[in-house]
Amino acid sequence: MKLKLMRVRENAVLPKQATAGSAGYDLCACIEEPQTIAPGARAVFPSGLAAEIPAGTAGFIFTRSGLGIKKGIHVTNGVGVIDSDYRGEIHVGLHNLSVEPYTVQPGERIAQMIIMPYFAPEIVEVASLSDTERGAGGFGSTGK
């Protein structure tokens, strides 16, 4: 399987895995100048890249653990999804959940992209669902 990437901005950094066992490919901020995200604020950063993601898979954008745990900087929508038929520039939304401003530097690794398969079952409307031991028990129904 191949992931085709195209630079759409001159200073785009091709993503790479930090180690041979890394699941994610680090995405970098393709910006000209440092950009500060105030506490509680959100900002969107271009990656400078467009992708041809293989059919049957999608690109999932996750928070980098170091930024999330140490700095409180998270991917805005929890997990971003890049569909295999999208050919535009990949952007990353970041949310500063800390009480300190955070400055993103040009070329800084800001998120990680993992290519994973997904399932798209046919939707079938039914009048009832099969019974299970849990049934319709929701939050906390199996314990704390």
Foldseek 3Di string as FASTA:
>chain_A
DDKDKDQQDPPADFWDAPDPPRQWTFAFFADDFKDKAAAQGKDKGWRRMWIQADPQKWKKKWFDVCCCVVFVKTFPVHIDIGHNPDGDTDMTMIGGNDNGMDIGGRGDRGITIGIDGDDDDDDDDDPDDDDDPCRPDDPQSVHD
